[in-house]
Amino acid sequence: MAVNDWSAFLDQTDLRMAELRSGIPGVAKGFHETAKAAIGPGALDSKTKELIALAIGIAARCDGCLAYHAKAAAKYGATREEVLEAIGVAVYMGGGPSMIYGAEALAAYDSFA
């Protein structure tokens, strides 16, 4: 799916995720805690972890992942060049489909930067 307005897409996804969280609060709380622990700074800083998550989102072909992690990468100060290098690694690992989703990830990042 090609997304033209990443902010609107993220707003819509947030609404859907809120509904899902209310239906499975225990699972949602566990997922939130996992995400918080995974992205929090440690041996790798949060920016690097978000770039990894963005690359995995490309390889997994997950539009929501692109939106959330592109926005977070921008929030943590990732540069466009860093995003492009992360896309390059995803393409190396995922081939042609990652090229297509890499282009989507760059569009998502550009919309939030």
PDB file of N, CA and C in Angstrom:
ATOM      1  N   MET A   1       0.844  -1.169   0.000  1.00  0.00           N
ATOM      2  CA  MET A   1       0.000   0.000   0.000  1.00  0.00           C
ATOM      3  C   MET A   1       0.894   1.239   0.000  1.00  0.00           C
ATOM      4  N   ALA A   2       0.662   2.136  -0.906  1.00  0.00           N
ATOM      5  CA  ALA A   2       1.396   3.389  -0.919  1.00  0.00           C
ATOM      6  C   ALA A   2       0.628   4.412  -0.086  1.00  0.00           C
ATOM      7  N   VAL A   3       1.299   4.958   0.904  1.00  0.00           N
ATOM      8  CA  VAL A   3       0.685   5.956   1.774  1.00  0.00           C
ATOM      9  C   VAL A   3       1.109   7.324   1.272  1.00  0.00           C
ATOM     10  N   ASN A   4       0.147   8.224   1.087  1.00  0.00           N
ATOM     11  CA  ASN A   4       0.452   9.570   0.630  1.00  0.00           C
ATOM     12  C   ASN A   4       0.570  10.567   1.775  1.00  0.00           C
ATOM     13  N   ASP A   5      -0.187  10.372   2.821  1.00  0.00           N
ATOM     14  CA  ASP A   5      -0.171  11.283   3.962  1.00  0.00           C
ATOM     15  C   ASP A   5       0.150  10.465   5.213  1.00  0.00           C
ATOM     16  N   TRP A   6       1.429  10.451   5.580  1.00  0.00           N
ATOM     17  CA  TRP A   6       1.868   9.613   6.693  1.00  0.00           C
ATOM     18  C   TRP A   6       1.296  10.069   8.026  1.00  0.00           C
ATOM     19  N   SER A   7       1.111  11.363   8.204  1.00  0.00           N
ATOM     20  CA  SER A   7       0.525  11.855   9.463  1.00  0.00           C
ATOM     21  C   SER A   7      -0.912  11.384   9.605  1.00  0.00           C
ATOM     22  N   ALA A   8      -1.698  11.486   8.546  1.00  0.00           N
ATOM     23  CA  ALA A   8      -3.087  11.017   8.588  1.00  0.00           C
ATOM     24  C   ALA A   8      -3.131   9.505   8.783  1.00  0.00           C
ATOM     25  N   PHE A   9      -2.235   8.796   8.109  1.00  0.00           N
ATOM     26  CA  PHE A   9      -2.167   7.344   8.269  1.00  0.00           C
ATOM     27  C   PHE A   9      -1.873   6.986   9.723  1.00  0.00           C
ATOM     28  N   LEU A  10      -0.922   7.707  10.327  1.00  0.00           N
ATOM     29  CA  LEU A  10      -0.569   7.433  11.713  1.00  0.00           C
ATOM     30  C   LEU A  10      -1.725   7.774  12.655  1.00  0.00           C
ATOM     31  N   ASP A  11      -2.436   8.864  12.385  1.00  0.00           N
ATOM     32  CA  ASP A  11      -3.609   9.213  13.202  1.00  0.00           C
ATOM     33  C   ASP A  11      -4.650   8.101  13.136  1.00  0.00           C
ATOM     34  N   GLN A  12      -4.923   7.607  11.935  1.00  0.00           N
ATOM     35  CA  GLN A  12      -5.897   6.528  11.763  1.00  0.00           C
ATOM     36  C   GLN A  12      -5.421   5.253  12.472  1.00  0.00           C
ATOM     37  N   THR A  13      -4.145   4.938  12.334  1.00  0.00           N
ATOM     38  CA  THR A  13      -3.594   3.751  12.973  1.00  0.00           C
ATOM     39  C   THR A  13      -3.654   3.883  14.493  1.00  0.00           C
ATOM     40  N   ASP A  14      -3.362   5.077  15.010  1.00  0.00           N
ATOM     41  CA  ASP A  14      -3.454   5.304  16.458  1.00  0.00           C
ATOM     42  C   ASP A  14      -4.869   5.022  16.974  1.00  0.00           C
ATOM     43  N   LEU A  15      -5.887   5.462  16.230  1.00  0.00           N
ATOM     44  CA  LEU A  15      -7.269   5.203  16.635  1.00  0.00           C
ATOM     45  C   LEU A  15      -7.565   3.709  16.651  1.00  0.00           C
ATOM     46  N   ARG A  16      -7.111   3.018  15.626  1.00  0.00           N
ATOM     47  CA  ARG A  16      -7.341   1.576  15.560  1.00  0.00           C
ATOM     48  C   ARG A  16      -6.582   0.849  16.671  1.00  0.00           C
ATOM     49  N   MET A  17      -5.369   1.292  16.941  1.00  0.00           N
ATOM     50  CA  MET A  17      -4.579   0.664  18.003  1.00  0.00           C
ATOM     51  C   MET A  17      -5.208   0.918  19.369  1.00  0.00           C
ATOM     52  N   ALA A  18      -5.776   2.104  19.575  1.00  0.00           N
ATOM     53  CA  ALA A  18      -6.446   2.405  20.847  1.00  0.00           C
ATOM     54  C   ALA A  18      -7.620   1.460  21.058  1.00  0.00           C
ATOM     55  N   GLU A  19      -8.374   1.210  20.006  1.00  0.00           N
ATOM     56  CA  GLU A  19      -9.499   0.278  20.112  1.00  0.00           C
ATOM     57  C   GLU A  19      -8.996  -1.132  20.429  1.00  0.00           C
ATOM     58  N   LEU A  20      -7.934  -1.540  19.758  1.00  0.00           N
ATOM     59  CA  LEU A  20      -7.372  -2.863  20.017  1.00  0.00           C
ATOM     60  C   LEU A  20      -6.859  -2.964  21.454  1.00  0.00           C
ATOM     61  N   ARG A  21      -6.143  -1.928  21.918  1.00  0.00           N
ATOM     62  CA  ARG A  21      -5.619  -1.932  23.291  1.00  0.00           C
ATOM     63  C   ARG A  21      -6.738  -2.073  24.315  1.00  0.00           C
ATOM     64  N   SER A  22      -7.879  -1.428  24.057  1.00  0.00           N
ATOM     65  CA  SER A  22      -8.987  -1.529  25.018  1.00  0.00           C
ATOM     66  C   SER A  22      -9.575  -2.940  25.030  1.00  0.00           C
ATOM     67  N   GLY A  23      -9.457  -3.660  23.940  1.00  0.00           N
ATOM     68  CA  GLY A  23      -9.985  -5.017  23.881  1.00  0.00           C
ATOM     69  C   GLY A  23      -9.056  -6.070  24.460  1.00  0.00           C
ATOM     70  N   ILE A  24      -7.751  -5.769  24.463  1.00  0.00           N
ATOM     71  CA  ILE A  24      -6.769  -6.716  25.008  1.00  0.00           C
ATOM     72  C   ILE A  24      -5.781  -5.966  25.900  1.00  0.00           C
ATOM     73  N   PRO A  25      -6.275  -5.408  27.004  1.00  0.00           N
ATOM     74  CA  PRO A  25      -5.441  -4.534  27.826  1.00  0.00           C
ATOM     75  C   PRO A  25      -4.190  -5.203  28.393  1.00  0.00           C
ATOM     76  N   GLY A  26      -4.282  -6.441  28.783  1.00  0.00           N
ATOM     77  CA  GLY A  26      -3.112  -7.124  29.338  1.00  0.00           C
ATOM     78  C   GLY A  26      -2.025  -7.314  28.297  1.00  0.00           C
ATOM     79  N   VAL A  27      -2.426  -7.768  27.134  1.00  0.00           N
ATOM     80  CA  VAL A  27      -1.462  -7.951  26.038  1.00  0.00           C
ATOM     81  C   VAL A  27      -0.866  -6.604  25.641  1.00  0.00           C
ATOM     82  N   ALA A  28      -1.731  -5.602  25.536  1.00  0.00           N
ATOM     83  CA  ALA A  28      -1.268  -4.271  25.136  1.00  0.00           C
ATOM     84  C   ALA A  28      -0.269  -3.705  26.148  1.00  0.00           C
ATOM     85  N   LYS A  29      -0.552  -3.886  27.423  1.00  0.00           N
ATOM     86  CA  LYS A  29       0.360  -3.393  28.455  1.00  0.00           C
ATOM     87  C   LYS A  29       1.706  -4.114  28.358  1.00  0.00           C
ATOM     88  N   GLY A  30       1.659  -5.423  28.155  1.00  0.00           N
ATOM     89  CA  GLY A  30       2.896  -6.188  28.002  1.00  0.00           C
ATOM     90  C   GLY A  30       3.691  -5.749  26.779  1.00  0.00           C
ATOM     91  N   PHE A  31       2.990  -5.505  25.668  1.00  0.00           N
ATOM     92  CA  PHE A  31       3.662  -5.053  24.452  1.00  0.00           C
ATOM     93  C   PHE A  31       4.292  -3.679  24.672  1.00  0.00           C
ATOM     94  N   HIS A  32       3.553  -2.793  25.350  1.00  0.00           N
ATOM     95  CA  HIS A  32       4.086  -1.450  25.629  1.00  0.00           C
ATOM     96  C   HIS A  32       5.361  -1.526  26.472  1.00  0.00           C
ATOM     97  N   GLU A  33       5.345  -2.364  27.482  1.00  0.00           N
ATOM     98  CA  GLU A  33       6.523  -2.514  28.341  1.00  0.00           C
ATOM     99  C   GLU A  33       7.701  -3.100  27.550  1.00  0.00           C
ATOM    100  N   THR A  34       7.418  -4.057  26.669  1.00  0.00           N
ATOM    101  CA  THR A  34       8.465  -4.633  25.827  1.00  0.00           C
ATOM    102  C   THR A  34       9.061  -3.562  24.913  1.00  0.00           C
ATOM    103  N   ALA A  35       8.204  -2.777  24.290  1.00  0.00           N
ATOM    104  CA  ALA A  35       8.672  -1.719  23.391  1.00  0.00           C
ATOM    105  C   ALA A  35       9.516  -0.697  24.145  1.00  0.00           C
ATOM    106  N   LYS A  36       9.038  -0.300  25.321  1.00  0.00           N
ATOM    107  CA  LYS A  36       9.762   0.683  26.135  1.00  0.00           C
ATOM    108  C   LYS A  36      11.153   0.161  26.511  1.00  0.00           C
ATOM    109  N   ALA A  37      11.215  -1.093  26.915  1.00  0.00           N
ATOM    110  CA  ALA A  37      12.499  -1.686  27.303  1.00  0.00           C
ATOM    111  C   ALA A  37      13.416  -1.867  26.093  1.00  0.00           C
ATOM    112  N   ALA A  38      12.841  -2.233  24.968  1.00  0.00           N
ATOM    113  CA  ALA A  38      13.657  -2.486  23.778  1.00  0.00           C
ATOM    114  C   ALA A  38      14.247  -1.201  23.204  1.00  0.00           C
ATOM    115  N   ILE A  39      13.499  -0.116  23.233  1.00  0.00           N
ATOM    116  CA  ILE A  39      13.939   1.133  22.601  1.00  0.00           C
ATOM    117  C   ILE A  39      14.715   2.026  23.561  1.00  0.00           C
ATOM    118  N   GLY A  40      14.569   1.819  24.848  1.00  0.00           N
ATOM    119  CA  GLY A  40      15.293   2.646  25.812  1.00  0.00           C
ATOM    120  C   GLY A  40      16.803   2.552  25.611  1.00  0.00           C
ATOM    121  N   PRO A  41      17.520   3.622  25.950  1.00  0.00           N
ATOM    122  CA  PRO A  41      18.963   3.620  25.738  1.00  0.00           C
ATOM    123  C   PRO A  41      19.671   2.561  26.582  1.00  0.00           C
ATOM    124  N   GLY A  42      20.676   1.984  26.004  1.00  0.00           N
ATOM    125  CA  GLY A  42      21.508   0.983  26.663  1.00  0.00           C
ATOM    126  C   GLY A  42      22.851   0.995  25.955  1.00  0.00           C
ATOM    127  N   ALA A  43      23.350  -0.157  25.580  1.00  0.00           N
ATOM    128  CA  ALA A  43      24.589  -0.210  24.795  1.00  0.00           C
ATOM    129  C   ALA A  43      24.396   0.503  23.461  1.00  0.00           C
ATOM    130  N   LEU A  44      23.164   0.447  22.928  1.00  0.00           N
ATOM    131  CA  LEU A  44      22.803   1.221  21.733  1.00  0.00           C
ATOM    132  C   LEU A  44      21.886   2.352  22.172  1.00  0.00           C
ATOM    133  N   ASP A  45      22.035   3.508  21.546  1.00  0.00           N
ATOM    134  CA  ASP A  45      21.132   4.609  21.882  1.00  0.00           C
ATOM    135  C   ASP A  45      19.780   4.409  21.199  1.00  0.00           C
ATOM    136  N   SER A  46      18.785   5.173  21.650  1.00  0.00           N
ATOM    137  CA  SER A  46      17.421   5.024  21.140  1.00  0.00           C
ATOM    138  C   SER A  46      17.328   5.322  19.652  1.00  0.00           C
ATOM    139  N   LYS A  47      18.105   6.289  19.167  1.00  0.00           N
ATOM    140  CA  LYS A  47      18.090   6.605  17.734  1.00  0.00           C
ATOM    141  C   LYS A  47      18.519   5.397  16.913  1.00  0.00           C
ATOM    142  N   THR A  48      19.600   4.750  17.314  1.00  0.00           N
ATOM    143  CA  THR A  48      20.085   3.576  16.597  1.00  0.00           C
ATOM    144  C   THR A  48      19.049   2.465  16.623  1.00  0.00           C
ATOM    145  N   LYS A  49      18.413   2.282  17.764  1.00  0.00           N
ATOM    146  CA  LYS A  49      17.395   1.242  17.886  1.00  0.00           C
ATOM    147  C   LYS A  49      16.196   1.539  16.988  1.00  0.00           C
ATOM    148  N   GLU A  50      15.821   2.801  16.869  1.00  0.00           N
ATOM    149  CA  GLU A  50      14.709   3.155  15.975  1.00  0.00           C
ATOM    150  C   GLU A  50      15.089   2.938  14.507  1.00  0.00           C
ATOM    151  N   LEU A  51      16.344   3.200  14.160  1.00  0.00           N
ATOM    152  CA  LEU A  51      16.791   2.924  12.791  1.00  0.00           C
ATOM    153  C   LEU A  51      16.753   1.423  12.499  1.00  0.00           C
ATOM    154  N   ILE A  52      17.114   0.610  13.479  1.00  0.00           N
ATOM    155  CA  ILE A  52      17.016  -0.845  13.327  1.00  0.00           C
ATOM    156  C   ILE A  52      15.551  -1.240  13.149  1.00  0.00           C
ATOM    157  N   ALA A  53      14.680  -0.682  13.981  1.00  0.00           N
ATOM    158  CA  ALA A  53      13.251  -0.996  13.885  1.00  0.00           C
ATOM    159  C   ALA A  53      12.684  -0.574  12.534  1.00  0.00           C
ATOM    160  N   LEU A  54      13.130   0.573  12.029  1.00  0.00           N
ATOM    161  CA  LEU A  54      12.683   1.030  10.712  1.00  0.00           C
ATOM    162  C   LEU A  54      13.124   0.043   9.632  1.00  0.00           C
ATOM    163  N   ALA A  55      14.358  -0.412   9.710  1.00  0.00           N
ATOM    164  CA  ALA A  55      14.861  -1.379   8.726  1.00  0.00           C
ATOM    165  C   ALA A  55      14.074  -2.688   8.799  1.00  0.00           C
ATOM    166  N   ILE A  56      13.747  -3.128   9.991  1.00  0.00           N
ATOM    167  CA  ILE A  56      12.950  -4.347  10.135  1.00  0.00           C
ATOM    168  C   ILE A  56      11.544  -4.121   9.586  1.00  0.00           C
ATOM    169  N   GLY A  57      10.983  -2.946   9.809  1.00  0.00           N
ATOM    170  CA  GLY A  57       9.670  -2.616   9.242  1.00  0.00           C
ATOM    171  C   GLY A  57       9.671  -2.695   7.724  1.00  0.00           C
ATOM    172  N   ILE A  58      10.780  -2.263   7.110  1.00  0.00           N
ATOM    173  CA  ILE A  58      10.912  -2.368   5.653  1.00  0.00           C
ATOM    174  C   ILE A  58      10.926  -3.837   5.251  1.00  0.00           C
ATOM    175  N   ALA A  59      11.777  -4.620   5.890  1.00  0.00           N
ATOM    176  CA  ALA A  59      11.908  -6.035   5.548  1.00  0.00           C
ATOM    177  C   ALA A  59      10.600  -6.790   5.794  1.00  0.00           C
ATOM    178  N   ALA A  60       9.839  -6.383   6.820  1.00  0.00           N
ATOM    179  CA  ALA A  60       8.576  -7.040   7.144  1.00  0.00           C
ATOM    180  C   ALA A  60       7.405  -6.486   6.322  1.00  0.00           C
ATOM    181  N   ARG A  61       7.657  -5.403   5.576  1.00  0.00           N
ATOM    182  CA  ARG A  61       6.641  -4.757   4.756  1.00  0.00           C
ATOM    183  C   ARG A  61       5.431  -4.315   5.595  1.00  0.00           C
ATOM    184  N   CYS A  62       5.746  -3.605   6.669  1.00  0.00           N
ATOM    185  CA  CYS A  62       4.736  -3.169   7.639  1.00  0.00           C
ATOM    186  C   CYS A  62       4.596  -1.647   7.588  1.00  0.00           C
ATOM    187  N   ASP A  63       3.508  -1.172   6.972  1.00  0.00           N
ATOM    188  CA  ASP A  63       3.299   0.268   6.839  1.00  0.00           C
ATOM    189  C   ASP A  63       3.229   0.977   8.191  1.00  0.00           C
ATOM    190  N   GLY A  64       2.516   0.379   9.133  1.00  0.00           N
ATOM    191  CA  GLY A  64       2.434   0.989  10.458  1.00  0.00           C
ATOM    192  C   GLY A  64       3.796   1.091  11.110  1.00  0.00           C
ATOM    193  N   CYS A  65       4.622   0.051  10.940  1.00  0.00           N
ATOM    194  CA  CYS A  65       5.988   0.083  11.477  1.00  0.00           C
ATOM    195  C   CYS A  65       6.781   1.222  10.864  1.00  0.00           C
ATOM    196  N   LEU A  66       6.626   1.414   9.546  1.00  0.00           N
ATOM    197  CA  LEU A  66       7.333   2.513   8.886  1.00  0.00           C
ATOM    198  C   LEU A  66       6.929   3.838   9.503  1.00  0.00           C
ATOM    199  N   ALA A  67       5.627   4.035   9.680  1.00  0.00           N
ATOM    200  CA  ALA A  67       5.146   5.307  10.209  1.00  0.00           C
ATOM    201  C   ALA A  67       5.647   5.549  11.626  1.00  0.00           C
ATOM    202  N   TYR A  68       5.445   4.576  12.511  1.00  0.00           N
ATOM    203  CA  TYR A  68       5.845   4.765  13.907  1.00  0.00           C
ATOM    204  C   TYR A  68       7.355   4.938  14.044  1.00  0.00           C
ATOM    205  N   HIS A  69       8.128   4.123  13.351  1.00  0.00           N
ATOM    206  CA  HIS A  69       9.572   4.168  13.556  1.00  0.00           C
ATOM    207  C   HIS A  69      10.251   5.287  12.763  1.00  0.00           C
ATOM    208  N   ALA A  70       9.659   5.706  11.649  1.00  0.00           N
ATOM    209  CA  ALA A  70      10.177   6.892  10.957  1.00  0.00           C
ATOM    210  C   ALA A  70       9.965   8.131  11.832  1.00  0.00           C
ATOM    211  N   LYS A  71       8.782   8.233  12.425  1.00  0.00           N
ATOM    212  CA  LYS A  71       8.500   9.369  13.311  1.00  0.00           C
ATOM    213  C   LYS A  71       9.435   9.354  14.514  1.00  0.00           C
ATOM    214  N   ALA A  72       9.634   8.180  15.109  1.00  0.00           N
ATOM    215  CA  ALA A  72      10.518   8.079  16.274  1.00  0.00           C
ATOM    216  C   ALA A  72      11.974   8.345  15.895  1.00  0.00           C
ATOM    217  N   ALA A  73      12.404   7.878  14.717  1.00  0.00           N
ATOM    218  CA  ALA A  73      13.774   8.149  14.272  1.00  0.00           C
ATOM    219  C   ALA A  73      13.993   9.652  14.151  1.00  0.00           C
ATOM    220  N   ALA A  74      13.019  10.353  13.580  1.00  0.00           N
ATOM    221  CA  ALA A  74      13.113  11.812  13.476  1.00  0.00           C
ATOM    222  C   ALA A  74      13.146  12.441  14.868  1.00  0.00           C
ATOM    223  N   LYS A  75      12.298  11.948  15.772  1.00  0.00           N
ATOM    224  CA  LYS A  75      12.241  12.469  17.144  1.00  0.00           C
ATOM    225  C   LYS A  75      13.589  12.333  17.845  1.00  0.00           C
ATOM    226  N   TYR A  76      14.266  11.211  17.641  1.00  0.00           N
ATOM    227  CA  TYR A  76      15.551  10.965  18.292  1.00  0.00           C
ATOM    228  C   TYR A  76      16.735  11.563  17.528  1.00  0.00           C
ATOM    229  N   GLY A  77      16.456  12.322  16.470  1.00  0.00           N
ATOM    230  CA  GLY A  77      17.516  13.064  15.799  1.00  0.00           C
ATOM    231  C   GLY A  77      18.201  12.355  14.654  1.00  0.00           C
ATOM    232  N   ALA A  78      17.607  11.289  14.135  1.00  0.00           N
ATOM    233  CA  ALA A  78      18.216  10.618  12.985  1.00  0.00           C
ATOM    234  C   ALA A  78      18.231  11.569  11.793  1.00  0.00           C
ATOM    235  N   THR A  79      19.323  11.547  11.075  1.00  0.00           N
ATOM    236  CA  THR A  79      19.418  12.371   9.875  1.00  0.00           C
ATOM    237  C   THR A  79      18.871  11.596   8.680  1.00  0.00           C
ATOM    238  N   ARG A  80      18.587  12.308   7.621  1.00  0.00           N
ATOM    239  CA  ARG A  80      18.120  11.657   6.391  1.00  0.00           C
ATOM    240  C   ARG A  80      19.187  10.678   5.891  1.00  0.00           C
ATOM    241  N   GLU A  81      20.448  11.042   6.023  1.00  0.00           N
ATOM    242  CA  GLU A  81      21.531  10.162   5.582  1.00  0.00           C
ATOM    243  C   GLU A  81      21.555   8.869   6.402  1.00  0.00           C
ATOM    244  N   GLU A  82      21.319   8.970   7.707  1.00  0.00           N
ATOM    245  CA  GLU A  82      21.264   7.768   8.551  1.00  0.00           C
ATOM    246  C   GLU A  82      20.085   6.881   8.156  1.00  0.00           C
ATOM    247  N   VAL A  83      18.949   7.506   7.873  1.00  0.00           N
ATOM    248  CA  VAL A  83      17.781   6.747   7.430  1.00  0.00           C
ATOM    249  C   VAL A  83      18.094   6.042   6.114  1.00  0.00           C
ATOM    250  N   LEU A  84      18.737   6.749   5.195  1.00  0.00           N
ATOM    251  CA  LEU A  84      19.094   6.132   3.918  1.00  0.00           C
ATOM    252  C   LEU A  84      20.030   4.944   4.110  1.00  0.00           C
ATOM    253  N   GLU A  85      20.991   5.047   5.018  1.00  0.00           N
ATOM    254  CA  GLU A  85      21.892   3.918   5.263  1.00  0.00           C
ATOM    255  C   GLU A  85      21.145   2.742   5.876  1.00  0.00           C
ATOM    256  N   ALA A  86      20.213   3.021   6.786  1.00  0.00           N
ATOM    257  CA  ALA A  86      19.399   1.943   7.361  1.00  0.00           C
ATOM    258  C   ALA A  86      18.565   1.273   6.269  1.00  0.00           C
ATOM    259  N   ILE A  87      18.018   2.075   5.353  1.00  0.00           N
ATOM    260  CA  ILE A  87      17.277   1.517   4.219  1.00  0.00           C
ATOM    261  C   ILE A  87      18.192   0.638   3.382  1.00  0.00           C
ATOM    262  N   GLY A  88      19.432   1.077   3.179  1.00  0.00           N
ATOM    263  CA  GLY A  88      20.397   0.282   2.417  1.00  0.00           C
ATOM    264  C   GLY A  88      20.629  -1.089   3.037  1.00  0.00           C
ATOM    265  N   VAL A  89      20.735  -1.151   4.355  1.00  0.00           N
ATOM    266  CA  VAL A  89      20.919  -2.432   5.035  1.00  0.00           C
ATOM    267  C   VAL A  89      19.674  -3.299   4.856  1.00  0.00           C
ATOM    268  N   ALA A  90      18.497  -2.696   4.961  1.00  0.00           N
ATOM    269  CA  ALA A  90      17.252  -3.449   4.773  1.00  0.00           C
ATOM    270  C   ALA A  90      17.158  -4.001   3.358  1.00  0.00           C
ATOM    271  N   VAL A  91      17.573  -3.215   2.377  1.00  0.00           N
ATOM    272  CA  VAL A  91      17.558  -3.681   0.988  1.00  0.00           C
ATOM    273  C   VAL A  91      18.530  -4.837   0.811  1.00  0.00           C
ATOM    274  N   TYR A  92      19.712  -4.717   1.384  1.00  0.00           N
ATOM    275  CA  TYR A  92      20.699  -5.793   1.329  1.00  0.00           C
ATOM    276  C   TYR A  92      20.104  -7.085   1.887  1.00  0.00           C
ATOM    277  N   MET A  93      19.381  -6.976   3.000  1.00  0.00           N
ATOM    278  CA  MET A  93      18.826  -8.159   3.651  1.00  0.00           C
ATOM    279  C   MET A  93      17.523  -8.629   3.014  1.00  0.00           C
ATOM    280  N   GLY A  94      16.795  -7.735   2.346  1.00  0.00           N
ATOM    281  CA  GLY A  94      15.462  -8.093   1.857  1.00  0.00           C
ATOM    282  C   GLY A  94      15.245  -8.002   0.361  1.00  0.00           C
ATOM    283  N   GLY A  95      16.246  -7.586  -0.414  1.00  0.00           N
ATOM    284  CA  GLY A  95      16.121  -7.548  -1.867  1.00  0.00           C
ATOM    285  C   GLY A  95      15.095  -6.552  -2.384  1.00  0.00           C
ATOM    286  N   GLY A  96      14.492  -6.893  -3.524  1.00  0.00           N
ATOM    287  CA  GLY A  96      13.561  -6.006  -4.227  1.00  0.00           C
ATOM    288  C   GLY A  96      12.404  -5.508  -3.386  1.00  0.00           C
ATOM    289  N   PRO A  97      11.709  -6.386  -2.637  1.00  0.00           N
ATOM    290  CA  PRO A  97      10.608  -5.870  -1.819  1.00  0.00           C
ATOM    291  C   PRO A  97      11.066  -4.804  -0.820  1.00  0.00           C
ATOM    292  N   SER A  98      12.285  -4.928  -0.328  1.00  0.00           N
ATOM    293  CA  SER A  98      12.793  -3.913   0.598  1.00  0.00           C
ATOM    294  C   SER A  98      13.117  -2.607  -0.119  1.00  0.00           C
ATOM    295  N   MET A  99      13.443  -2.662  -1.406  1.00  0.00           N
ATOM    296  CA  MET A  99      13.631  -1.420  -2.171  1.00  0.00           C
ATOM    297  C   MET A  99      12.318  -0.633  -2.193  1.00  0.00           C
ATOM    298  N   ILE A 100      11.216  -1.329  -2.475  1.00  0.00           N
ATOM    299  CA  ILE A 100       9.915  -0.665  -2.545  1.00  0.00           C
ATOM    300  C   ILE A 100       9.547  -0.083  -1.179  1.00  0.00           C
ATOM    301  N   TYR A 101       9.683  -0.871  -0.121  1.00  0.00           N
ATOM    302  CA  TYR A 101       9.338  -0.381   1.207  1.00  0.00           C
ATOM    303  C   TYR A 101      10.367   0.607   1.725  1.00  0.00           C
ATOM    304  N   GLY A 102      11.595   0.540   1.227  1.00  0.00           N
ATOM    305  CA  GLY A 102      12.591   1.552   1.566  1.00  0.00           C
ATOM    306  C   GLY A 102      12.163   2.915   1.065  1.00  0.00           C
ATOM    307  N   ALA A 103      11.623   2.960  -0.148  1.00  0.00           N
ATOM    308  CA  ALA A 103      11.122   4.225  -0.698  1.00  0.00           C
ATOM    309  C   ALA A 103       9.964   4.749   0.150  1.00  0.00           C
ATOM    310  N   GLU A 104       9.099   3.847   0.610  1.00  0.00           N
ATOM    311  CA  GLU A 104       7.994   4.247   1.489  1.00  0.00           C
ATOM    312  C   GLU A 104       8.524   4.765   2.829  1.00  0.00           C
ATOM    313  N   ALA A 105       9.545   4.090   3.378  1.00  0.00           N
ATOM    314  CA  ALA A 105      10.119   4.509   4.660  1.00  0.00           C
ATOM    315  C   ALA A 105      10.729   5.900   4.550  1.00  0.00           C
ATOM    316  N   LEU A 106      11.397   6.181   3.440  1.00  0.00           N
ATOM    317  CA  LEU A 106      11.996   7.503   3.246  1.00  0.00           C
ATOM    318  C   LEU A 106      10.904   8.567   3.157  1.00  0.00           C
ATOM    319  N   ALA A 107       9.827   8.267   2.462  1.00  0.00           N
ATOM    320  CA  ALA A 107       8.715   9.213   2.375  1.00  0.00           C
ATOM    321  C   ALA A 107       8.117   9.449   3.761  1.00  0.00           C
ATOM    322  N   ALA A 108       7.999   8.390   4.554  1.00  0.00           N
ATOM    323  CA  ALA A 108       7.477   8.543   5.912  1.00  0.00           C
ATOM    324  C   ALA A 108       8.391   9.413   6.744  1.00  0.00           C
ATOM    325  N   TYR A 109       9.712   9.139   6.702  1.00  0.00           N
ATOM    326  CA  TYR A 109      10.669   9.941   7.466  1.00  0.00           C
ATOM    327  C   TYR A 109      10.588  11.406   7.040  1.00  0.00           C
ATOM    328  N   ASP A 110      10.608  11.652   5.720  1.00  0.00           N
ATOM    329  CA  ASP A 110      10.574  13.026   5.213  1.00  0.00           C
ATOM    330  C   ASP A 110       9.328  13.771   5.684  1.00  0.00           C
ATOM    331  N   SER A 111       8.211  13.064   5.840  1.00  0.00           N
ATOM    332  CA  SER A 111       6.994  13.727   6.279  1.00  0.00           C
ATOM    333  C   SER A 111       7.048  14.120   7.751  1.00  0.00           C
ATOM    334  N   PHE A 112       7.880  13.455   8.546  1.00  0.00           N
ATOM    335  CA  PHE A 112       7.973  13.774   9.971  1.00  0.00           C
ATOM    336  C   PHE A 112       9.191  14.608  10.331  1.00  0.00           C
ATOM    337  N   ALA A 113      10.184  14.692   9.467  1.00  0.00           N
ATOM    338  CA  ALA A 113      11.433  15.408   9.784  1.00  0.00           C
ATOM    339  C   ALA A 113      11.251  16.903   9.680  1.00  0.00           C
TER     340      ALA A 113
END
